[in-house]
Amino acid sequence: MAIILDGRKTSKEIKNEAAQKAAELKNKGIHPKLVVLLIGENPASNIYVRSKERACKKAGIISETRRFPDTVTQNEIIETILSLNSDKSVHGILVQLPLPKGFDEEAVIEAVDPVKDVDGFHPVNAGRLASGVTDNFFAPATPAGIIELLLRYDIETEGAHVVIVGRSSIVGRPLGMLFLRKTRGANATVTICHSGTRDLSAHCREADILIAALGRPCFITGDMVKPGAVVVDVGINRIQDEESPKGYRVVGDVDFKSVSDNASAITPVPGGVGPMTIAMLLKNTIEAAFNSRSNKGV
């Protein structure tokens, strides 16, 4: 039976570490602060933002959510971001995605000061990651959380063949860049597969570490996984289940039952990658507070 890579347990460790560092900063008169901009009434976004607020409170990070109706203009949002950029009390800025129709996400993200971009989506942070630097940038929280989870379970990545199924700018692409770095927890050979990949199953069976991030429930099955591979499931999908009190259940992109028989280690859904995302956001916010321009020389 595969080892379960427990994201809940690991995220608690990271959150406790963040709380200790937040306390260190407070002793220096620095109060880490994260501001989240939430536009519209997307139910999933509301749930996620509330989770961030609770996690920040427990870690001793000031959390402020600015809520806007979907009738707000893009210019008003950008003006708000520019004001937060110049506010020395704010260390992290996060624009909750997706934005309502009519917004140019790239323009909004580019308005955020890269040193406060704790989500790691700004082109400057993305460019530094792609260039191979190992510090002075923020990586997106989900890819960073995957690397951290593997590190804390002592999963060997040096020279490993990592196959990522999914090429999104939020997970697949930045994760591939993280695995390519010459650092501990990386230095791997990376293949990124996508909807245009021929014979996807064959590529998956070559993986020492297989990452499923394609958004299709239970797509990766046991016959697609090499015996002994490590499998990380990024997917979160709701499927109908009449036996569930809610009428649905949450599954990943991996068929857990069949894959766990082949894999040496696997992340569950829920409880795997998901909790790591918020934990790494807190870690990025603390780092931003340590490194912020306003705090140099403190």
Protein backbone atom coordinates (compact mmCIF):
# COMPACT_ATOMS: atom_id res chain seq x y z
CA MET A 1 0.00 0.00 0.00
CA ALA A 2 1.27 3.45 -0.90
CA ILE A 3 2.49 5.92 1.72
CA ILE A 4 -0.02 8.75 2.14
CA LEU A 5 1.53 12.18 1.67
CA ASP A 6 -0.52 14.01 4.30
CA GLY A 7 -0.96 17.64 3.30
CA ARG A 8 -3.02 18.49 6.37
CA LYS A 9 -0.28 17.37 8.76
CA THR A 10 2.49 19.04 6.77
CA SER A 11 0.57 22.28 6.34
CA LYS A 12 0.12 22.52 10.11
CA GLU A 13 3.89 22.30 10.52
CA ILE A 14 4.40 25.12 8.00
CA LYS A 15 1.68 27.27 9.59
CA ASN A 16 3.30 26.81 13.03
CA GLU A 17 6.64 27.87 11.56
CA ALA A 18 4.94 30.92 10.01
CA ALA A 19 3.43 31.81 13.40
CA GLN A 20 6.87 31.65 15.05
CA LYS A 21 8.37 33.94 12.39
CA ALA A 22 5.40 36.32 12.67
CA ALA A 23 6.09 36.56 16.40
CA GLU A 24 9.76 37.36 15.65
CA LEU A 25 8.71 40.15 13.32
CA LYS A 26 6.27 41.59 15.86
CA ASN A 27 9.10 41.77 18.38
CA LYS A 28 10.83 44.06 15.86
CA GLY A 29 7.71 46.19 15.48
CA ILE A 30 6.71 44.63 12.15
CA HIS A 31 3.17 43.26 11.85
CA PRO A 32 2.84 41.02 8.75
CA LYS A 33 -0.23 42.00 6.77
CA LEU A 34 -1.98 40.42 3.81
CA VAL A 35 -4.70 42.21 1.84
CA VAL A 36 -7.00 40.15 -0.38
CA LEU A 37 -9.12 41.75 -3.11
CA LEU A 38 -12.31 39.78 -3.72
CA ILE A 39 -14.48 40.89 -6.63
CA GLY A 40 -17.95 39.48 -7.17
CA GLU A 41 -19.77 36.63 -5.47
CA ASN A 42 -18.03 33.49 -6.72
CA PRO A 43 -18.96 30.85 -4.05
CA ALA A 44 -15.68 28.94 -4.34
CA SER A 45 -13.67 32.15 -4.04
CA ASN A 46 -15.63 33.18 -0.94
CA ILE A 47 -14.91 29.85 0.74
CA TYR A 48 -11.23 30.04 -0.15
CA VAL A 49 -10.89 33.61 1.11
CA ARG A 50 -12.53 32.71 4.44
CA SER A 51 -10.04 29.86 4.80
CA LYS A 52 -7.18 32.29 4.22
CA GLU A 53 -8.58 34.67 6.83
CA ARG A 54 -8.77 31.90 9.45
CA ALA A 55 -5.26 30.65 8.65
CA CYS A 56 -3.80 34.17 8.85
CA LYS A 57 -5.44 34.81 12.22
CA LYS A 58 -4.00 31.60 13.69
CA ALA A 59 -0.53 32.47 12.36
CA GLY A 60 -0.59 36.01 13.73
CA ILE A 61 -0.81 37.63 10.30
CA ILE A 62 -3.13 40.61 9.86
CA SER A 63 -5.64 39.71 7.19
CA GLU A 64 -7.81 42.26 5.44
CA THR A 65 -10.31 41.33 2.75
CA ARG A 66 -11.57 44.12 0.52
CA ARG A 67 -14.78 43.05 -1.15
CA PHE A 68 -16.08 44.64 -4.32
CA PRO A 69 -19.28 44.07 -6.31
CA ASP A 70 -18.84 42.71 -9.82
CA THR A 71 -19.95 46.15 -11.05
CA VAL A 72 -16.66 47.68 -9.92
CA THR A 73 -14.48 48.88 -12.78
CA GLN A 74 -11.04 47.56 -13.62
CA ASN A 75 -9.60 51.04 -13.16
CA GLU A 76 -11.00 51.21 -9.62
CA ILE A 77 -9.36 47.88 -8.77
CA ILE A 78 -6.03 48.95 -10.22
CA GLU A 79 -6.20 52.23 -8.30
CA THR A 80 -6.79 50.23 -5.11
CA ILE A 81 -3.80 48.00 -5.89
CA LEU A 82 -1.54 51.01 -6.54
CA SER A 83 -2.59 52.48 -3.20
CA LEU A 84 -1.75 49.20 -1.44
CA ASN A 85 1.62 49.08 -3.22
CA SER A 86 2.60 52.33 -1.55
CA ASP A 87 1.19 51.38 1.87
CA LYS A 88 4.18 50.34 3.99
CA SER A 89 1.96 48.48 6.46
CA VAL A 90 0.90 46.03 3.71
CA HIS A 91 3.34 43.23 2.90
CA GLY A 92 1.27 40.93 0.70
CA ILE A 93 -1.39 41.65 -1.92
CA LEU A 94 -3.54 38.92 -3.41
CA VAL A 95 -6.15 39.38 -6.12
CA GLN A 96 -8.54 36.46 -5.85
CA LEU A 97 -9.05 34.75 -9.20
CA PRO A 98 -11.04 34.27 -11.35
CA LEU A 99 -12.10 37.84 -12.00
CA PRO A 100 -15.55 38.67 -13.39
CA LYS A 101 -16.07 38.85 -17.14
CA GLY A 102 -14.73 41.99 -18.74
CA PHE A 103 -11.61 42.18 -16.58
CA ASP A 104 -8.13 41.87 -18.04
CA GLU A 105 -6.50 39.54 -15.49
CA GLU A 106 -3.01 40.19 -16.81
CA ALA A 107 -3.38 43.97 -16.42
CA VAL A 108 -4.71 43.61 -12.88
CA ILE A 109 -1.96 41.18 -11.81
CA GLU A 110 0.74 43.36 -13.38
CA ALA A 111 -0.45 46.29 -11.24
CA VAL A 112 0.68 44.49 -8.08
CA ASP A 113 4.18 45.36 -6.86
CA PRO A 114 6.24 42.16 -7.43
CA VAL A 115 7.67 42.33 -3.89
CA LYS A 116 4.11 42.14 -2.54
CA ASP A 117 2.89 39.55 -5.06
CA VAL A 118 2.64 36.65 -2.60
CA ASP A 119 0.59 34.67 -5.14
CA GLY A 120 3.61 34.61 -7.45
CA PHE A 121 1.69 35.47 -10.62
CA HIS A 122 3.36 38.76 -11.57
CA PRO A 123 5.46 38.53 -14.78
CA VAL A 124 8.55 39.61 -12.83
CA ASN A 125 8.19 36.69 -10.40
CA ALA A 126 7.29 34.31 -13.22
CA GLY A 127 10.31 35.51 -15.21
CA ARG A 128 12.71 35.09 -12.30
CA LEU A 129 11.42 31.57 -11.77
CA ALA A 130 11.80 30.76 -15.46
CA SER A 131 15.35 32.17 -15.51
CA GLY A 132 16.42 29.65 -12.88
CA VAL A 133 17.15 31.93 -9.91
CA THR A 134 16.71 30.29 -6.53
CA ASP A 135 15.71 33.32 -4.43
CA ASN A 136 14.29 36.86 -4.53
CA PHE A 137 11.00 35.82 -6.10
CA PHE A 138 7.67 34.33 -5.09
CA ALA A 139 6.54 31.04 -6.59
CA PRO A 140 2.81 30.30 -6.92
CA ALA A 141 1.58 28.69 -3.72
CA THR A 142 0.27 25.39 -5.13
CA PRO A 143 3.47 24.43 -7.04
CA ALA A 144 5.61 25.57 -4.10
CA GLY A 145 3.42 23.49 -1.78
CA ILE A 146 3.97 20.38 -3.90
CA ILE A 147 7.76 20.81 -3.76
CA GLU A 148 7.60 21.40 0.00
CA LEU A 149 5.42 18.32 0.57
CA LEU A 150 7.86 16.08 -1.32
CA LEU A 151 10.78 17.58 0.59
CA ARG A 152 9.23 16.92 3.97
CA TYR A 153 8.55 13.31 3.07
CA ASP A 154 12.12 12.88 1.82
CA ILE A 155 11.00 12.03 -1.72
CA GLU A 156 14.13 11.97 -3.90
CA THR A 157 13.84 14.32 -6.86
CA GLU A 158 17.51 14.50 -7.91
CA GLY A 159 17.68 13.05 -11.42
CA ALA A 160 14.09 11.77 -11.21
CA HIS A 161 11.81 11.88 -14.24
CA VAL A 162 8.89 14.11 -13.32
CA VAL A 163 5.85 13.99 -15.60
CA ILE A 164 3.32 16.80 -15.15
CA VAL A 165 -0.08 16.36 -16.77
CA GLY A 166 -1.39 19.90 -17.22
CA ARG A 167 0.26 23.10 -18.51
CA SER A 168 -1.65 25.87 -16.71
CA SER A 169 0.18 29.04 -15.72
CA ILE A 170 -1.00 28.49 -12.15
CA VAL A 171 0.28 24.92 -11.62
CA GLY A 172 1.81 22.98 -14.50
CA ARG A 173 4.23 25.49 -16.00
CA PRO A 174 5.62 27.01 -12.77
CA LEU A 175 5.87 23.56 -11.19
CA GLY A 176 7.97 22.38 -14.12
CA MET A 177 10.29 25.37 -13.62
CA LEU A 178 10.60 24.63 -9.89
CA PHE A 179 11.59 21.02 -10.56
CA LEU A 180 14.27 22.15 -13.01
CA ARG A 181 16.16 24.32 -10.51
CA LYS A 182 19.53 23.11 -9.22
CA THR A 183 18.37 22.95 -5.62
CA ARG A 184 17.39 20.41 -3.01
CA GLY A 185 13.92 19.09 -3.78
CA ALA A 186 14.40 19.67 -7.51
CA ASN A 187 17.11 19.05 -10.17
CA ALA A 188 14.78 16.67 -11.98
CA THR A 189 14.13 15.86 -15.62
CA VAL A 190 10.72 17.28 -16.50
CA THR A 191 8.10 16.35 -19.09
CA ILE A 192 4.95 18.49 -19.31
CA CYS A 193 2.00 16.79 -21.00
CA HIS A 194 -1.22 18.42 -22.18
CA SER A 195 -4.28 17.96 -24.38
CA GLY A 196 -2.10 17.75 -27.49
CA THR A 197 0.23 15.06 -26.13
CA ARG A 198 0.29 11.85 -28.11
CA ASP A 199 0.04 8.58 -26.16
CA LEU A 200 -0.34 10.28 -22.79
CA SER A 201 -0.49 6.95 -20.96
CA ALA A 202 2.98 6.00 -22.23
CA HIS A 203 4.44 9.26 -20.91
CA CYS A 204 2.76 8.75 -17.53
CA ARG A 205 4.19 5.22 -17.22
CA GLU A 206 7.71 6.65 -17.59
CA ALA A 207 7.32 8.92 -14.54
CA ASP A 208 9.19 8.45 -11.30
CA ILE A 209 7.04 11.29 -9.99
CA LEU A 210 3.67 11.85 -11.66
CA ILE A 211 1.75 15.10 -11.11
CA ALA A 212 -1.91 15.16 -12.17
CA ALA A 213 -3.20 18.71 -12.70
CA LEU A 214 -5.64 18.52 -15.60
CA GLY A 215 -9.03 19.02 -13.94
CA ARG A 216 -10.65 15.74 -15.01
CA PRO A 217 -12.01 13.49 -12.26
CA CYS A 218 -10.25 10.14 -11.77
CA PHE A 219 -8.52 10.44 -15.16
CA ILE A 220 -5.21 8.85 -14.09
CA THR A 221 -5.75 5.14 -13.52
CA GLY A 222 -3.54 2.40 -12.13
CA ASP A 223 -2.48 1.09 -15.55
CA MET A 224 -1.02 4.55 -16.33
CA VAL A 225 1.37 4.51 -13.36
CA LYS A 226 4.77 2.82 -13.15
CA PRO A 227 5.10 0.52 -10.13
CA GLY A 228 6.77 2.43 -7.31
CA ALA A 229 6.07 5.90 -8.72
CA VAL A 230 5.17 8.84 -6.49
CA VAL A 231 1.81 10.34 -7.48
CA VAL A 232 0.69 13.87 -6.62
CA ASP A 233 -2.96 14.71 -7.29
CA VAL A 234 -3.67 18.42 -7.71
CA GLY A 235 -7.25 17.98 -8.90
CA ILE A 236 -10.36 18.97 -6.93
CA ASN A 237 -13.54 17.83 -8.68
CA ARG A 238 -17.12 17.47 -7.49
CA ILE A 239 -18.92 14.40 -8.81
CA GLN A 240 -22.51 13.39 -8.19
CA ASP A 241 -23.00 10.89 -5.36
CA GLU A 242 -26.56 10.17 -4.28
CA GLU A 243 -25.32 8.33 -1.18
CA SER A 244 -23.54 11.43 0.10
CA PRO A 245 -25.53 13.80 2.37
CA LYS A 246 -24.45 16.68 0.11
CA GLY A 247 -25.37 14.83 -3.06
CA TYR A 248 -21.79 14.94 -4.27
CA ARG A 249 -18.27 14.00 -3.24
CA VAL A 250 -14.88 15.52 -3.94
CA VAL A 251 -12.35 13.51 -5.94
CA GLY A 252 -9.05 14.29 -7.59
CA ASP A 253 -7.69 13.77 -11.08
CA VAL A 254 -6.36 10.39 -9.95
CA ASP A 255 -8.35 7.20 -9.42
CA PHE A 256 -7.03 6.77 -5.90
CA LYS A 257 -7.98 3.13 -5.39
CA SER A 258 -6.33 1.70 -8.50
CA VAL A 259 -3.32 4.04 -8.46
CA SER A 260 -2.48 3.52 -4.77
CA ASP A 261 -1.95 -0.19 -5.51
CA ASN A 262 0.88 0.73 -7.90
CA ALA A 263 2.34 3.88 -6.34
CA SER A 264 4.93 4.01 -3.57
CA ALA A 265 3.46 7.29 -2.27
CA ILE A 266 0.34 9.29 -3.12
CA THR A 267 -1.52 12.42 -2.05
CA PRO A 268 -5.17 12.05 -1.01
CA VAL A 269 -8.02 14.29 -2.17
CA PRO A 270 -9.07 16.06 -0.07
CA GLY A 271 -6.20 16.49 2.38
CA GLY A 272 -3.20 16.43 0.08
CA VAL A 273 -2.13 19.39 -2.06
CA GLY A 274 -5.08 21.63 -1.08
CA PRO A 275 -3.99 22.42 2.50
CA MET A 276 -0.44 23.10 1.30
CA THR A 277 -1.60 26.00 -0.89
CA ILE A 278 -2.76 28.22 1.97
CA ALA A 279 0.24 27.21 4.09
CA MET A 280 2.64 28.37 1.38
CA LEU A 281 0.70 31.61 0.95
CA LEU A 282 1.33 32.33 4.65
CA LYS A 283 5.00 31.45 4.19
CA ASN A 284 5.25 33.86 1.25
CA THR A 285 3.56 36.63 3.25
CA ILE A 286 6.01 36.21 6.12
CA GLU A 287 8.90 36.27 3.66
CA ALA A 288 7.51 39.45 2.10
CA ALA A 289 7.39 41.06 5.53
CA PHE A 290 11.01 40.07 6.23
CA ASN A 291 12.18 41.33 2.86
CA SER A 292 9.92 44.31 2.28
CA ARG A 293 11.57 47.51 1.20
CA SER A 294 9.93 49.37 4.06
CA ASN A 295 11.55 47.06 6.62
CA LYS A 296 15.14 47.15 5.38
CA GLY A 297 17.44 48.26 8.12
CA VAL A 298 15.02 47.28 10.88
